[in-house]
PDB file of N, CA and C in Angstrom:
ATOM      1  N   MET A   1     -67.368   4.796 -71.586  1.00  0.00           N
ATOM      2  CA  MET A   1     -67.146   5.606 -70.400  1.00  0.00           C
ATOM      3  C   MET A   1     -67.957   5.027 -69.243  1.00  0.00           C
ATOM      4  N   LYS A   2     -67.304   4.764 -68.125  1.00  0.00           N
ATOM      5  CA  LYS A   2     -67.969   4.190 -66.972  1.00  0.00           C
ATOM      6  C   LYS A   2     -68.663   5.285 -66.175  1.00  0.00           C
ATOM      7  N   THR A   3     -69.905   5.031 -65.823  1.00  0.00           N
ATOM      8  CA  THR A   3     -70.655   5.953 -64.985  1.00  0.00           C
ATOM      9  C   THR A   3     -70.349   5.647 -63.532  1.00  0.00           C
ATOM     10  N   ASN A   4     -70.067   6.663 -62.756  1.00  0.00           N
ATOM     11  CA  ASN A   4     -69.824   6.466 -61.335  1.00  0.00           C
ATOM     12  C   ASN A   4     -71.145   6.250 -60.618  1.00  0.00           C
ATOM     13  N   THR A   5     -71.322   5.047 -60.098  1.00  0.00           N
ATOM     14  CA  THR A   5     -72.512   4.755 -59.313  1.00  0.00           C
ATOM     15  C   THR A   5     -72.300   5.268 -57.899  1.00  0.00           C
ATOM     16  N   ILE A   6     -73.362   5.268 -57.126  1.00  0.00           N
ATOM     17  CA  ILE A   6     -73.257   5.682 -55.730  1.00  0.00           C
ATOM     18  C   ILE A   6     -72.281   4.767 -54.976  1.00  0.00           C
ATOM     19  N   LEU A   7     -72.227   3.495 -55.370  1.00  0.00           N
ATOM     20  CA  LEU A   7     -71.272   2.568 -54.754  1.00  0.00           C
ATOM     21  C   LEU A   7     -69.836   2.972 -55.075  1.00  0.00           C
ATOM     22  N   ASP A   8     -69.592   3.401 -56.305  1.00  0.00           N
ATOM     23  CA  ASP A   8     -68.260   3.843 -56.706  1.00  0.00           C
ATOM     24  C   ASP A   8     -67.836   5.094 -55.948  1.00  0.00           C
ATOM     25  N   VAL A   9     -68.770   6.025 -55.787  1.00  0.00           N
ATOM     26  CA  VAL A   9     -68.489   7.266 -55.065  1.00  0.00           C
ATOM     27  C   VAL A   9     -68.183   6.948 -53.605  1.00  0.00           C
ATOM     28  N   PHE A  10     -69.025   6.112 -52.997  1.00  0.00           N
ATOM     29  CA  PHE A  10     -68.831   5.725 -51.605  1.00  0.00           C
ATOM     30  C   PHE A  10     -67.486   5.020 -51.433  1.00  0.00           C
ATOM     31  N   ALA A  11     -67.190   4.102 -52.328  1.00  0.00           N
ATOM     32  CA  ALA A  11     -65.937   3.338 -52.268  1.00  0.00           C
ATOM     33  C   ALA A  11     -64.723   4.255 -52.322  1.00  0.00           C
ATOM     34  N   ALA A  12     -64.737   5.182 -53.263  1.00  0.00           N
ATOM     35  CA  ALA A  12     -63.609   6.105 -53.417  1.00  0.00           C
ATOM     36  C   ALA A  12     -63.442   6.982 -52.178  1.00  0.00           C
ATOM     37  N   ASN A  13     -64.557   7.430 -51.621  1.00  0.00           N
ATOM     38  CA  ASN A  13     -64.491   8.284 -50.433  1.00  0.00           C
ATOM     39  C   ASN A  13     -64.014   7.514 -49.210  1.00  0.00           C
ATOM     40  N   VAL A  14     -64.472   6.282 -49.039  1.00  0.00           N
ATOM     41  CA  VAL A  14     -63.994   5.469 -47.918  1.00  0.00           C
ATOM     42  C   VAL A  14     -62.487   5.287 -48.029  1.00  0.00           C
ATOM     43  N   GLN A  15     -62.033   4.941 -49.212  1.00  0.00           N
ATOM     44  CA  GLN A  15     -60.600   4.722 -49.409  1.00  0.00           C
ATOM     45  C   GLN A  15     -59.806   6.003 -49.158  1.00  0.00           C
ATOM     46  N   ARG A  16     -60.318   7.116 -49.650  1.00  0.00           N
ATOM     47  CA  ARG A  16     -59.623   8.400 -49.470  1.00  0.00           C
ATOM     48  C   ARG A  16     -59.524   8.777 -47.997  1.00  0.00           C
ATOM     49  N   TYR A  17     -60.662   8.738 -47.290  1.00  0.00           N
ATOM     50  CA  TYR A  17     -60.649   9.109 -45.872  1.00  0.00           C
ATOM     51  C   TYR A  17     -59.851   8.111 -45.034  1.00  0.00           C
ATOM     52  N   ARG A  18     -59.884   6.842 -45.396  1.00  0.00           N
ATOM     53  CA  ARG A  18     -59.104   5.835 -44.683  1.00  0.00           C
ATOM     54  C   ARG A  18     -57.608   6.121 -44.842  1.00  0.00           C
ATOM     55  N   THR A  19     -57.209   6.402 -46.074  1.00  0.00           N
ATOM     56  CA  THR A  19     -55.806   6.694 -46.363  1.00  0.00           C
ATOM     57  C   THR A  19     -55.362   7.970 -45.659  1.00  0.00           C
ATOM     58  N   GLU A  20     -56.205   9.000 -45.709  1.00  0.00           N
ATOM     59  CA  GLU A  20     -55.872  10.263 -45.035  1.00  0.00           C
ATOM     60  C   GLU A  20     -55.722  10.072 -43.529  1.00  0.00           C
ATOM     61  N   ALA A  21     -56.496   9.140 -42.972  1.00  0.00           N
ATOM     62  CA  ALA A  21     -56.432   8.871 -41.533  1.00  0.00           C
ATOM     63  C   ALA A  21     -55.260   7.961 -41.179  1.00  0.00           C
ATOM     64  N   GLY A  22     -54.566   7.463 -42.201  1.00  0.00           N
ATOM     65  CA  GLY A  22     -53.430   6.586 -41.967  1.00  0.00           C
ATOM     66  C   GLY A  22     -53.830   5.202 -41.474  1.00  0.00           C
ATOM     67  N   LEU A  23     -55.024   4.761 -41.855  1.00  0.00           N
ATOM     68  CA  LEU A  23     -55.538   3.465 -41.417  1.00  0.00           C
ATOM     69  C   LEU A  23     -55.402   2.424 -42.515  1.00  0.00           C
ATOM     70  N   SER A  24     -55.045   1.223 -42.126  1.00  0.00           N
ATOM     71  CA  SER A  24     -55.104   0.096 -43.059  1.00  0.00           C
ATOM     72  C   SER A  24     -56.564  -0.355 -43.139  1.00  0.00           C
ATOM     73  N   GLN A  25     -56.872  -1.169 -44.134  1.00  0.00           N
ATOM     74  CA  GLN A  25     -58.219  -1.731 -44.221  1.00  0.00           C
ATOM     75  C   GLN A  25     -58.518  -2.535 -42.960  1.00  0.00           C
ATOM     76  N   GLU A  26     -57.527  -3.256 -42.486  1.00  0.00           N
ATOM     77  CA  GLU A  26     -57.715  -4.081 -41.290  1.00  0.00           C
ATOM     78  C   GLU A  26     -58.009  -3.224 -40.060  1.00  0.00           C
ATOM     79  N   LYS A  27     -57.299  -2.117 -39.893  1.00  0.00           N
ATOM     80  CA  LYS A  27     -57.508  -1.242 -38.743  1.00  0.00           C
ATOM     81  C   LYS A  27     -58.874  -0.559 -38.823  1.00  0.00           C
ATOM     82  N   LEU A  28     -59.273  -0.138 -40.029  1.00  0.00           N
ATOM     83  CA  LEU A  28     -60.607   0.455 -40.199  1.00  0.00           C
ATOM     84  C   LEU A  28     -61.679  -0.564 -39.846  1.00  0.00           C
ATOM     85  N   ALA A  29     -61.515  -1.779 -40.321  1.00  0.00           N
ATOM     86  CA  ALA A  29     -62.489  -2.838 -40.036  1.00  0.00           C
ATOM     87  C   ALA A  29     -62.611  -3.057 -38.534  1.00  0.00           C
ATOM     88  N   GLU A  30     -61.472  -3.078 -37.858  1.00  0.00           N
ATOM     89  CA  GLU A  30     -61.461  -3.264 -36.405  1.00  0.00           C
ATOM     90  C   GLU A  30     -62.217  -2.137 -35.708  1.00  0.00           C
ATOM     91  N   LYS A  31     -61.945  -0.894 -36.107  1.00  0.00           N
ATOM     92  CA  LYS A  31     -62.616   0.262 -35.503  1.00  0.00           C
ATOM     93  C   LYS A  31     -64.113   0.273 -35.782  1.00  0.00           C
ATOM     94  N   ALA A  32     -64.507  -0.213 -36.969  1.00  0.00           N
ATOM     95  CA  ALA A  32     -65.917  -0.196 -37.368  1.00  0.00           C
ATOM     96  C   ALA A  32     -66.676  -1.435 -36.913  1.00  0.00           C
ATOM     97  N   GLY A  33     -65.951  -2.454 -36.467  1.00  0.00           N
ATOM     98  CA  GLY A  33     -66.616  -3.675 -36.038  1.00  0.00           C
ATOM     99  C   GLY A  33     -67.122  -4.525 -37.185  1.00  0.00           C
ATOM    100  N   VAL A  34     -66.373  -4.500 -38.298  1.00  0.00           N
ATOM    101  CA  VAL A  34     -66.714  -5.318 -39.463  1.00  0.00           C
ATOM    102  C   VAL A  34     -65.486  -6.139 -39.851  1.00  0.00           C
ATOM    103  N   HIS A  35     -65.665  -7.098 -40.730  1.00  0.00           N
ATOM    104  CA  HIS A  35     -64.552  -7.947 -41.158  1.00  0.00           C
ATOM    105  C   HIS A  35     -63.678  -7.183 -42.145  1.00  0.00           C
ATOM    106  N   ARG A  36     -62.375  -7.439 -42.088  1.00  0.00           N
ATOM    107  CA  ARG A  36     -61.437  -6.701 -42.961  1.00  0.00           C
ATOM    108  C   ARG A  36     -61.714  -6.949 -44.440  1.00  0.00           C
ATOM    109  N   THR A  37     -62.167  -8.150 -44.798  1.00  0.00           N
ATOM    110  CA  THR A  37     -62.466  -8.400 -46.214  1.00  0.00           C
ATOM    111  C   THR A  37     -63.677  -7.589 -46.669  1.00  0.00           C
ATOM    112  N   TYR A  38     -64.559  -7.279 -45.738  1.00  0.00           N
ATOM    113  CA  TYR A  38     -65.734  -6.462 -46.048  1.00  0.00           C
ATOM    114  C   TYR A  38     -65.301  -5.055 -46.466  1.00  0.00           C
ATOM    115  N   VAL A  39     -64.314  -4.499 -45.761  1.00  0.00           N
ATOM    116  CA  VAL A  39     -63.807  -3.170 -46.116  1.00  0.00           C
ATOM    117  C   VAL A  39     -63.229  -3.200 -47.523  1.00  0.00           C
ATOM    118  N   GLY A  40     -62.478  -4.234 -47.850  1.00  0.00           N
ATOM    119  CA  GLY A  40     -61.926  -4.361 -49.200  1.00  0.00           C
ATOM    120  C   GLY A  40     -63.012  -4.436 -50.254  1.00  0.00           C
ATOM    121  N   MET A  41     -64.060  -5.195 -49.964  1.00  0.00           N
ATOM    122  CA  MET A  41     -65.169  -5.310 -50.923  1.00  0.00           C
ATOM    123  C   MET A  41     -65.900  -3.982 -51.081  1.00  0.00           C
ATOM    124  N   ILE A  42     -66.015  -3.235 -49.993  1.00  0.00           N
ATOM    125  CA  ILE A  42     -66.636  -1.904 -50.072  1.00  0.00           C
ATOM    126  C   ILE A  42     -65.795  -0.997 -50.962  1.00  0.00           C
ATOM    127  N   GLU A  43     -64.480  -1.004 -50.740  1.00  0.00           N
ATOM    128  CA  GLU A  43     -63.596  -0.122 -51.508  1.00  0.00           C
ATOM    129  C   GLU A  43     -63.490  -0.522 -52.980  1.00  0.00           C
ATOM    130  N   ARG A  44     -63.864  -1.743 -53.306  1.00  0.00           N
ATOM    131  CA  ARG A  44     -63.883  -2.181 -54.712  1.00  0.00           C
ATOM    132  C   ARG A  44     -65.293  -2.122 -55.310  1.00  0.00           C
ATOM    133  N   SER A  45     -66.223  -1.519 -54.586  1.00  0.00           N
ATOM    134  CA  SER A  45     -67.628  -1.387 -55.028  1.00  0.00           C
ATOM    135  C   SER A  45     -68.297  -2.741 -55.255  1.00  0.00           C
ATOM    136  N   GLU A  46     -67.881  -3.739 -54.506  1.00  0.00           N
ATOM    137  CA  GLU A  46     -68.434  -5.080 -54.669  1.00  0.00           C
ATOM    138  C   GLU A  46     -69.598  -5.355 -53.727  1.00  0.00           C
ATOM    139  N   LYS A  47     -69.784  -4.512 -52.721  1.00  0.00           N
ATOM    140  CA  LYS A  47     -70.840  -4.720 -51.737  1.00  0.00           C
ATOM    141  C   LYS A  47     -71.805  -3.550 -51.759  1.00  0.00           C
ATOM    142  N   ASN A  48     -73.091  -3.884 -51.727  1.00  0.00           N
ATOM    143  CA  ASN A  48     -74.128  -2.881 -51.566  1.00  0.00           C
ATOM    144  C   ASN A  48     -74.320  -2.705 -50.064  1.00  0.00           C
ATOM    145  N   ILE A  49     -73.624  -1.755 -49.508  1.00  0.00           N
ATOM    146  CA  ILE A  49     -73.523  -1.579 -48.069  1.00  0.00           C
ATOM    147  C   ILE A  49     -74.865  -1.167 -47.459  1.00  0.00           C
ATOM    148  N   THR A  50     -75.143  -1.675 -46.253  1.00  0.00           N
ATOM    149  CA  THR A  50     -76.367  -1.296 -45.547  1.00  0.00           C
ATOM    150  C   THR A  50     -76.167   0.053 -44.864  1.00  0.00           C
ATOM    151  N   LEU A  51     -77.251   0.679 -44.504  1.00  0.00           N
ATOM    152  CA  LEU A  51     -77.167   1.958 -43.808  1.00  0.00           C
ATOM    153  C   LEU A  51     -76.470   1.805 -42.450  1.00  0.00           C
ATOM    154  N   LEU A  52     -76.715   0.703 -41.777  1.00  0.00           N
ATOM    155  CA  LEU A  52     -76.068   0.481 -40.485  1.00  0.00           C
ATOM    156  C   LEU A  52     -74.559   0.339 -40.644  1.00  0.00           C
ATOM    157  N   SER A  53     -74.131  -0.382 -41.661  1.00  0.00           N
ATOM    158  CA  SER A  53     -72.695  -0.519 -41.911  1.00  0.00           C
ATOM    159  C   SER A  53     -72.090   0.805 -42.364  1.00  0.00           C
ATOM    160  N   MET A  54     -72.843   1.572 -43.128  1.00  0.00           N
ATOM    161  CA  MET A  54     -72.381   2.886 -43.570  1.00  0.00           C
ATOM    162  C   MET A  54     -72.130   3.773 -42.351  1.00  0.00           C
ATOM    163  N   GLU A  55     -73.030   3.700 -41.388  1.00  0.00           N
ATOM    164  CA  GLU A  55     -72.878   4.486 -40.171  1.00  0.00           C
ATOM    165  C   GLU A  55     -71.639   4.047 -39.393  1.00  0.00           C
ATOM    166  N   LYS A  56     -71.404   2.754 -39.299  1.00  0.00           N
ATOM    167  CA  LYS A  56     -70.219   2.229 -38.596  1.00  0.00           C
ATOM    168  C   LYS A  56     -68.931   2.716 -39.257  1.00  0.00           C
ATOM    169  N   ILE A  57     -68.892   2.656 -40.588  1.00  0.00           N
ATOM    170  CA  ILE A  57     -67.705   3.087 -41.335  1.00  0.00           C
ATOM    171  C   ILE A  57     -67.484   4.592 -41.141  1.00  0.00           C
ATOM    172  N   ALA A  58     -68.552   5.379 -41.241  1.00  0.00           N
ATOM    173  CA  ALA A  58     -68.435   6.833 -41.071  1.00  0.00           C
ATOM    174  C   ALA A  58     -67.905   7.173 -39.682  1.00  0.00           C
ATOM    175  N   LYS A  59     -68.453   6.531 -38.657  1.00  0.00           N
ATOM    176  CA  LYS A  59     -67.995   6.804 -37.290  1.00  0.00           C
ATOM    177  C   LYS A  59     -66.537   6.407 -37.110  1.00  0.00           C
ATOM    178  N   ALA A  60     -66.149   5.271 -37.666  1.00  0.00           N
ATOM    179  CA  ALA A  60     -64.766   4.802 -37.546  1.00  0.00           C
ATOM    180  C   ALA A  60     -63.795   5.759 -38.241  1.00  0.00           C
ATOM    181  N   LEU A  61     -64.261   6.393 -39.320  1.00  0.00           N
ATOM    182  CA  LEU A  61     -63.422   7.349 -40.052  1.00  0.00           C
ATOM    183  C   LEU A  61     -63.540   8.767 -39.501  1.00  0.00           C
ATOM    184  N   ASN A  62     -64.471   8.949 -38.540  1.00  0.00           N
ATOM    185  CA  ASN A  62     -64.719  10.266 -37.954  1.00  0.00           C
ATOM    186  C   ASN A  62     -65.180  11.278 -39.012  1.00  0.00           C
ATOM    187  N   VAL A  63     -66.072  10.813 -39.890  1.00  0.00           N
ATOM    188  CA  VAL A  63     -66.675  11.674 -40.912  1.00  0.00           C
ATOM    189  C   VAL A  63     -68.189  11.449 -40.874  1.00  0.00           C
ATOM    190  N   THR A  64     -68.903  12.268 -41.616  1.00  0.00           N
ATOM    191  CA  THR A  64     -70.359  12.102 -41.693  1.00  0.00           C
ATOM    192  C   THR A  64     -70.718  11.229 -42.903  1.00  0.00           C
ATOM    193  N   ILE A  65     -71.894  10.665 -42.854  1.00  0.00           N
ATOM    194  CA  ILE A  65     -72.370   9.878 -43.989  1.00  0.00           C
ATOM    195  C   ILE A  65     -72.429  10.734 -45.257  1.00  0.00           C
ATOM    196  N   PRO A  66     -72.961  11.962 -45.193  1.00  0.00           N
ATOM    197  CA  PRO A  66     -72.962  12.782 -46.418  1.00  0.00           C
ATOM    198  C   PRO A  66     -71.571  12.978 -47.017  1.00  0.00           C
ATOM    199  N   MET A  67     -70.550  13.049 -46.177  1.00  0.00           N
ATOM    200  CA  MET A  67     -69.175  13.192 -46.691  1.00  0.00           C
ATOM    201  C   MET A  67     -68.776  11.970 -47.499  1.00  0.00           C
ATOM    202  N   LEU A  68     -69.243  10.792 -47.105  1.00  0.00           N
ATOM    203  CA  LEU A  68     -68.918   9.573 -47.824  1.00  0.00           C
ATOM    204  C   LEU A  68     -69.720   9.426 -49.116  1.00  0.00           C
ATOM    205  N   LEU A  69     -70.805  10.162 -49.226  1.00  0.00           N
ATOM    206  CA  LEU A  69     -71.662  10.071 -50.415  1.00  0.00           C
ATOM    207  C   LEU A  69     -71.451  11.224 -51.378  1.00  0.00           C
ATOM    208  N   ASN A  70     -70.646  12.196 -50.978  1.00  0.00           N
ATOM    209  CA  ASN A  70     -70.434  13.394 -51.788  1.00  0.00           C
ATOM    210  C   ASN A  70     -69.562  13.064 -53.004  1.00  0.00           C
ATOM    211  N   ASN A  71     -70.068  13.427 -54.165  1.00  0.00           N
ATOM    212  CA  ASN A  71     -69.354  13.180 -55.407  1.00  0.00           C
ATOM    213  C   ASN A  71     -68.410  14.292 -55.679  1.00  0.00           C
TER     214      ASN A  71
END
């Protein structure tokens, strides 16, 4: 059984809020000021995201950081 790490929770929430907002990974990346491949790596739990990048993603999705960390 796989344990959901904080990266997994964050990844799932980013993907969920991005999809609900009708944004592609590329459009989210553009709004957040990050590279589109970075968004993909975040959503696959491949990147240990910095707090500054977390803030950029949250603002681009129009959600709070706690919403992205909520399990």
